[in-house]
Protein backbone atom coordinates (compact mmCIF):
# COMPACT_ATOMS: atom_id res chain seq x y z
CA UNK A 1 10.08 -63.85 42.56
CA UNK A 2 11.02 -67.01 40.65
CA UNK A 3 14.52 -68.47 41.10
CA UNK A 4 15.25 -65.99 43.88
CA UNK A 5 16.97 -66.53 47.20
CA UNK A 6 16.30 -64.19 50.12
CA UNK A 7 19.00 -64.03 52.77
CA UNK A 8 19.03 -62.13 56.05
CA UNK A 9 21.83 -61.28 58.46
CA UNK A 10 22.89 -58.84 61.14
CA UNK A 11 25.83 -56.43 60.99
CA UNK A 12 27.31 -54.70 64.05
CA UNK A 13 27.46 -51.49 62.01
CA UNK A 14 27.78 -48.82 61.13
CA UNK A 15 28.21 -49.58 57.43
CA UNK A 16 29.79 -47.16 54.99
CA UNK A 17 31.77 -47.13 51.79
CA UNK A 18 32.95 -50.68 52.51
CA UNK A 19 29.36 -51.92 52.37
CA UNK A 20 29.51 -53.64 48.91
CA UNK A 21 32.52 -55.71 49.99
CA UNK A 22 30.88 -56.69 53.28
CA UNK A 23 27.65 -57.58 51.48
CA UNK A 24 29.42 -59.73 48.87
CA UNK A 25 31.29 -61.55 51.64
CA UNK A 26 28.00 -62.52 53.26
CA UNK A 27 26.42 -63.59 49.96
CA UNK A 28 29.43 -65.78 49.22
CA UNK A 29 29.21 -67.34 52.68
CA UNK A 30 25.44 -67.97 52.64
CA UNK A 31 24.69 -68.65 48.98
CA UNK A 32 28.05 -69.40 47.42
CA UNK A 33 27.47 -66.40 45.18
CA UNK A 34 30.62 -64.55 44.16
CA UNK A 35 30.28 -60.89 43.19
CA UNK A 36 26.72 -60.86 41.80
CA UNK A 37 25.78 -58.34 39.15
CA UNK A 38 23.67 -55.50 40.53
CA UNK A 39 20.21 -54.80 39.12
CA UNK A 40 19.27 -51.98 41.47
CA UNK A 41 18.13 -48.82 39.69
CA UNK A 42 17.60 -46.41 42.60
CA UNK A 43 18.21 -45.70 46.28
CA UNK A 44 15.24 -45.14 48.59
CA UNK A 45 15.93 -43.87 52.11
CA UNK A 46 13.14 -44.07 54.69
CA UNK A 47 13.49 -41.94 57.81
CA UNK A 48 11.21 -43.10 60.63
CA UNK A 49 10.50 -41.07 63.74
CA UNK A 50 8.91 -42.32 66.95
CA UNK A 51 5.43 -41.62 65.56
CA UNK A 52 5.97 -43.73 62.44
CA UNK A 53 3.98 -46.98 62.31
CA UNK A 54 5.81 -50.22 62.99
CA UNK A 55 5.58 -52.15 59.75
CA UNK A 56 7.34 -54.85 57.82
CA UNK A 57 9.50 -52.46 55.85
CA UNK A 58 11.61 -55.31 54.44
CA UNK A 59 8.46 -56.69 52.80
CA UNK A 60 7.76 -53.28 51.28
CA UNK A 61 11.29 -53.31 49.87
CA UNK A 62 10.73 -56.75 48.33
CA UNK A 63 7.36 -55.69 46.90
CA UNK A 64 8.89 -52.53 45.49
CA UNK A 65 11.69 -54.54 43.89
CA UNK A 66 9.17 -56.31 41.65
CA UNK A 67 9.07 -53.20 39.49
CA UNK A 68 11.97 -51.13 40.81
CA UNK A 69 15.02 -53.12 41.93
CA UNK A 70 16.19 -50.92 44.77
CA UNK A 71 18.51 -50.36 47.67
CA UNK A 72 16.12 -49.46 50.49
CA UNK A 73 17.71 -48.02 53.62
CA UNK A 74 15.56 -47.49 56.71
CA UNK A 75 16.88 -45.09 59.35
CA UNK A 76 15.12 -45.52 62.70
CA UNK A 77 17.02 -43.45 65.29
CA UNK A 78 17.09 -44.78 68.84
CA UNK A 79 18.13 -43.22 72.14
CA UNK A 80 20.33 -40.13 71.48
CA UNK A 81 21.69 -40.45 75.02
CA UNK A 82 22.84 -44.03 74.49
CA UNK A 83 26.20 -45.34 73.30
CA UNK A 84 27.22 -44.52 69.70
CA UNK A 85 26.19 -47.78 68.06
CA UNK A 86 24.31 -48.60 64.85
CA UNK A 87 23.26 -52.24 64.47
CA UNK A 88 22.14 -53.12 60.95
CA UNK A 89 19.70 -55.76 59.73
CA UNK A 90 20.15 -56.75 56.07
CA UNK A 91 17.80 -58.57 53.71
CA UNK A 92 19.07 -59.23 50.18
CA UNK A 93 17.29 -60.83 47.23
CA UNK A 94 19.47 -62.65 44.70
CA UNK A 95 18.15 -64.15 41.49
CA UNK A 96 20.00 -67.26 40.34
CA UNK A 97 19.47 -69.05 37.04
CA UNK A 98 21.45 -71.83 35.42
CA UNK A 99 24.09 -70.50 33.06
CA UNK A 100 23.44 -66.89 34.05
CA UNK A 101 25.53 -64.83 36.44
CA UNK A 102 23.71 -64.26 39.78
CA UNK A 103 21.84 -60.98 40.01
CA UNK A 104 21.46 -58.90 43.18
CA UNK A 105 17.89 -57.74 42.77
CA UNK A 106 17.25 -55.76 45.92
CA UNK A 107 18.85 -54.76 49.21
CA UNK A 108 17.16 -53.76 52.41
CA UNK A 109 19.18 -52.24 55.27
CA UNK A 110 17.53 -51.40 58.58
CA UNK A 111 19.75 -49.05 60.61
CA UNK A 112 19.05 -48.36 64.28
CA UNK A 113 21.56 -45.64 65.27
CA UNK A 114 21.88 -44.52 68.88
CA UNK A 115 23.88 -41.90 70.74
CA UNK A 116 25.63 -39.31 68.59
CA UNK A 117 24.96 -41.46 65.51
CA UNK A 118 21.22 -40.93 66.01
CA UNK A 119 21.61 -37.19 65.51
CA UNK A 120 24.22 -37.47 62.76
CA UNK A 121 22.41 -40.07 60.68
CA UNK A 122 23.01 -38.15 57.45
CA UNK A 123 26.67 -39.19 57.70
CA UNK A 124 25.52 -42.83 57.82
CA UNK A 125 23.27 -42.47 54.79
CA UNK A 126 25.53 -40.66 52.33
CA UNK A 127 27.92 -43.60 51.64
CA UNK A 128 24.93 -45.86 50.95
CA UNK A 129 23.46 -43.67 48.19
CA UNK A 130 24.40 -45.19 44.85
CA UNK A 131 26.09 -42.64 42.61
CA UNK A 132 24.59 -41.71 39.23
CA UNK A 133 21.23 -43.32 40.07
CA UNK A 134 17.99 -41.67 41.21
CA UNK A 135 17.81 -41.21 44.98
CA UNK A 136 14.83 -40.48 47.22
CA UNK A 137 14.26 -39.73 50.89
CA UNK A 138 10.82 -40.74 52.14
CA UNK A 139 10.17 -38.96 55.43
CA UNK A 140 7.76 -41.15 57.44
CA UNK A 141 6.42 -39.34 60.50
CA UNK A 142 6.43 -35.78 61.77
CA UNK A 143 8.44 -33.10 59.91
CA UNK A 144 11.97 -32.26 61.11
CA UNK A 145 12.92 -29.25 63.19
CA UNK A 146 13.19 -25.85 61.55
CA UNK A 147 17.01 -25.96 61.49
CA UNK A 148 17.24 -29.32 59.71
CA UNK A 149 20.21 -29.18 57.24
CA UNK A 150 18.47 -30.01 53.96
CA UNK A 151 21.49 -28.73 52.02
CA UNK A 152 23.58 -31.63 53.39
CA UNK A 153 21.09 -34.18 52.08
CA UNK A 154 20.89 -32.48 48.68
CA UNK A 155 24.52 -33.48 48.02
CA UNK A 156 23.39 -37.08 47.51
CA UNK A 157 19.59 -37.21 47.57
CA UNK A 158 17.59 -35.32 44.97
CA UNK A 159 13.97 -36.02 45.97
CA UNK A 160 12.04 -35.64 49.23
CA UNK A 161 8.88 -37.77 49.50
CA UNK A 162 6.17 -36.98 52.04
CA UNK A 163 2.62 -38.24 52.51
CA UNK A 164 0.32 -35.36 53.37
CA UNK A 165 -2.52 -37.81 54.00
CA UNK A 166 -0.62 -38.88 57.14
CA UNK A 167 0.77 -35.51 58.27
CA UNK A 168 -1.13 -32.52 56.93
CA UNK A 169 0.58 -29.88 54.83
CA UNK A 170 0.14 -27.16 57.44
CA UNK A 171 2.61 -29.03 59.69
CA UNK A 172 5.04 -29.47 56.79
CA UNK A 173 4.93 -25.86 55.63
CA UNK A 174 8.22 -24.48 57.00
CA UNK A 175 10.18 -27.66 56.29
CA UNK A 176 9.00 -27.83 52.68
CA UNK A 177 9.94 -24.21 51.96
CA UNK A 178 13.44 -24.89 53.30
CA UNK A 179 13.79 -28.15 51.37
CA UNK A 180 12.75 -26.27 48.23
CA UNK A 181 15.33 -23.60 48.98
CA UNK A 182 17.95 -26.38 49.18
CA UNK A 183 16.87 -27.36 45.62
CA UNK A 184 15.33 -30.68 46.58
CA UNK A 185 12.47 -31.91 44.41
CA UNK A 186 9.32 -32.45 46.44
CA UNK A 187 7.08 -35.47 45.97
CA UNK A 188 3.84 -36.29 47.78
CA UNK A 189 2.16 -39.69 47.77
CA UNK A 190 -1.14 -37.89 48.14
CA UNK A 191 -0.61 -36.25 44.74
CA UNK A 192 -0.64 -39.72 43.15
CA UNK A 193 -3.85 -40.64 45.00
CA UNK A 194 -5.44 -37.49 43.57
CA UNK A 195 -4.63 -38.39 39.97
CA UNK A 196 -8.15 -39.79 39.28
CA UNK A 197 -9.65 -36.56 40.64
CA UNK A 198 -7.45 -34.51 38.33
CA UNK A 199 -8.33 -36.77 35.38
CA UNK A 200 -12.03 -36.32 36.12
CA UNK A 201 -11.75 -32.52 36.26
CA UNK A 202 -9.71 -32.55 33.04
CA UNK A 203 -12.43 -34.64 31.36
CA UNK A 204 -15.03 -32.22 32.64
CA UNK A 205 -13.10 -29.38 30.98
CA UNK A 206 -13.10 -31.15 27.60
CA UNK A 207 -16.39 -29.41 26.83
CA UNK A 208 -15.49 -25.84 25.71
CA UNK A 209 -18.47 -24.22 27.47
CA UNK A 210 -17.75 -26.04 30.73
CA UNK A 211 -14.07 -25.18 30.44
CA UNK A 212 -14.91 -21.50 30.27
CA UNK A 213 -17.43 -21.80 33.12
CA UNK A 214 -14.86 -23.58 35.30
CA UNK A 215 -12.77 -20.42 35.34
CA UNK A 216 -15.55 -18.64 37.21
CA UNK A 217 -17.77 -21.18 38.97
CA UNK A 218 -20.60 -19.96 41.14
CA UNK A 219 -19.29 -21.92 44.13
CA UNK A 220 -17.41 -25.04 45.25
CA UNK A 221 -18.36 -27.50 47.97
CA UNK A 222 -15.54 -29.74 49.21
CA UNK A 223 -16.01 -32.43 51.83
CA UNK A 224 -13.36 -34.66 53.31
CA UNK A 225 -11.89 -35.87 56.56
CA UNK A 226 -8.19 -36.14 57.30
CA UNK A 227 -6.53 -39.07 55.57
CA UNK A 228 -6.20 -40.49 52.09
CA UNK A 229 -9.07 -38.40 50.68
CA UNK A 230 -7.54 -35.04 51.69
CA UNK A 231 -8.31 -32.66 48.81
CA UNK A 232 -5.97 -29.79 49.78
CA UNK A 233 -3.55 -30.40 46.91
CA UNK A 234 -6.43 -30.84 44.46
CA UNK A 235 -7.77 -27.41 45.36
CA UNK A 236 -4.24 -25.98 45.11
CA UNK A 237 -3.84 -27.48 41.64
CA UNK A 238 -7.25 -26.20 40.53
CA UNK A 239 -6.59 -22.72 41.88
CA UNK A 240 -3.13 -22.58 40.29
CA UNK A 241 -4.38 -23.75 36.89
CA UNK A 242 -7.32 -21.31 36.89
CA UNK A 243 -5.35 -18.37 38.34
CA UNK A 244 -7.53 -18.00 41.41
CA UNK A 245 -6.29 -15.91 44.27
CA UNK A 246 -6.52 -17.06 47.86
CA UNK A 247 -9.33 -14.55 48.37
CA UNK A 248 -11.18 -15.87 45.31
CA UNK A 249 -11.08 -19.44 46.57
CA UNK A 250 -12.16 -18.33 50.04
CA UNK A 251 -15.23 -16.69 48.50
CA UNK A 252 -16.06 -19.74 46.35
CA UNK A 253 -15.37 -22.59 48.74
CA UNK A 254 -17.65 -24.20 51.27
CA UNK A 255 -15.61 -26.76 53.27
CA UNK A 256 -17.13 -29.62 55.25
CA UNK A 257 -15.51 -32.41 57.23
CA UNK A 258 -17.52 -35.41 56.14
CA UNK A 259 -17.02 -38.61 54.20
CA UNK A 260 -17.11 -39.77 51.50
CA UNK A 261 -14.78 -37.22 49.93
CA UNK A 262 -16.80 -35.04 47.56
CA UNK A 263 -16.17 -32.02 45.34
CA UNK A 264 -19.22 -30.28 43.91
CA UNK A 265 -18.56 -27.60 41.29
CA UNK A 266 -21.57 -25.33 40.83
CA UNK A 267 -21.58 -23.89 37.32
CA UNK A 268 -24.27 -21.71 35.71
CA UNK A 269 -27.21 -24.03 35.13
CA UNK A 270 -25.57 -27.26 36.36
CA UNK A 271 -23.55 -28.90 39.11
CA UNK A 272 -20.73 -31.36 38.45
CA UNK A 273 -19.99 -33.67 41.36
CA UNK A 274 -16.96 -35.84 42.05
CA UNK A 275 -17.42 -38.40 44.80
CA UNK A 276 -15.37 -41.25 46.21
CA UNK A 277 -17.27 -44.55 45.80
CA UNK A 278 -15.26 -47.24 47.54
CA UNK A 279 -12.39 -48.27 45.23
CA UNK A 280 -13.57 -45.85 42.52
CA UNK A 281 -14.11 -42.15 41.90
CA UNK A 282 -17.45 -41.17 40.40
CA UNK A 283 -17.96 -38.08 38.24
CA UNK A 284 -21.52 -36.93 37.68
CA UNK A 285 -21.14 -34.10 35.18
CA UNK A 286 -24.88 -33.60 34.70
CA UNK A 287 -28.12 -35.39 35.73
CA UNK A 288 -28.74 -36.13 32.06
CA UNK A 289 -25.36 -37.85 31.61
CA UNK A 290 -24.38 -41.25 33.01
CA UNK A 291 -21.74 -41.20 35.78
CA UNK A 292 -18.13 -41.74 34.78
CA UNK A 293 -15.98 -44.01 36.92
CA UNK A 294 -12.24 -43.80 37.55
CA UNK A 295 -10.13 -46.34 39.49
CA UNK A 296 -8.90 -44.85 42.76
CA UNK A 297 -5.25 -44.94 43.83
CA UNK A 298 -5.29 -45.61 47.56
CA UNK A 299 -2.65 -48.29 48.11
CA UNK A 300 0.51 -46.68 49.47
CA UNK A 301 2.78 -49.02 47.52
CA UNK A 302 0.96 -48.11 44.30
CA UNK A 303 1.35 -44.42 45.06
CA UNK A 304 5.06 -44.91 45.79
CA UNK A 305 5.56 -46.86 42.57
CA UNK A 306 3.85 -44.05 40.66
CA UNK A 307 6.27 -41.50 42.16
CA UNK A 308 9.26 -43.62 41.16
CA UNK A 309 7.92 -44.49 37.68
CA UNK A 310 6.51 -41.20 36.51
CA UNK A 311 9.29 -38.92 37.67
CA UNK A 312 8.83 -35.46 39.07
CA UNK A 313 5.61 -33.70 38.07
CA UNK A 314 5.95 -29.89 37.70
CA UNK A 315 2.19 -29.60 38.26
CA UNK A 316 2.78 -30.77 41.83
CA UNK A 317 5.13 -27.81 42.31
CA UNK A 318 2.32 -25.45 41.30
CA UNK A 319 -0.23 -27.16 43.54
CA UNK A 320 2.15 -27.29 46.51
CA UNK A 321 3.25 -23.69 46.17
CA UNK A 322 -0.33 -22.46 45.99
CA UNK A 323 -1.42 -24.63 48.92
CA UNK A 324 1.56 -23.64 51.09
CA UNK A 325 1.08 -19.94 50.42
CA UNK A 326 -2.58 -20.30 51.39
CA UNK A 327 -1.67 -21.78 54.80
CA UNK A 328 -1.50 -19.12 57.54
CA UNK A 329 1.89 -18.95 59.22
CA UNK A 330 5.16 -17.07 59.25
CA UNK A 331 6.37 -14.96 56.35
CA UNK A 332 8.49 -17.60 54.68
CA UNK A 333 6.05 -17.83 51.79
CA UNK A 334 5.74 -14.13 51.15
């Protein structure tokens, strides 16, 4: 970012409602900047469990700030049996131009709570959520326990982001029903990766005869392995849009665990095939027609940006609800 200064420092923590004053004190000391204007447009909380990958999350925050100036807060709980401490690492990006008041473009706070603070991390997060701006919690790692208090988060955070390419929906099932019950909006990075697949199926349905045939295909063949080509939500979306029952899809679907990810829709007299081809998705609607290519969305940062830019998609609610109800388990979904 041109004309930008990136500063880093450590705080003993924890930080709370006095955070803006403590931040401005550091910026004045390190950059000579007095009370910069704030450009941030949202708060993004990342919760990392022990299974979450170790990454340069501060770099992700800086990359995200290119399009979405943000306050990114990473919560990485430590030893719950340790002393109640919460050291904080801060990285701030300030844009300075001659004759223009300095602009705080992004903030990154890495919190490492231990002891009782590790289990009461919601209390640490709430004061850092900027009021009257969109707020998101991205849960990186395994889902929380069944008694997790989603209703406490809902007071300040409106959206829950998961990535079902990393942890499959069957493991998220109970937690997502409870988050929904607490009136949180659910987002899934995998839904953004599936956008080209949905576009291809929508293009396939542009033909009136095919659109009618899609309602009652002869069969479906879906192939994928766990990961970024997981088609569970795509099948949930398709079933929800075409009013298929779980039994109907079970009769139609042949599922294989192979790559590349492929969906073959067998219609009367023809087969339309969608197949991942490296960085693109290929649709072969008919042997007589040339393939159609769609750019794939596989980069996690791109998927995250799409979630933040496009807002909540009600079609995801339909796809998620159908997929979650189709997962065997307890009677929460009944």
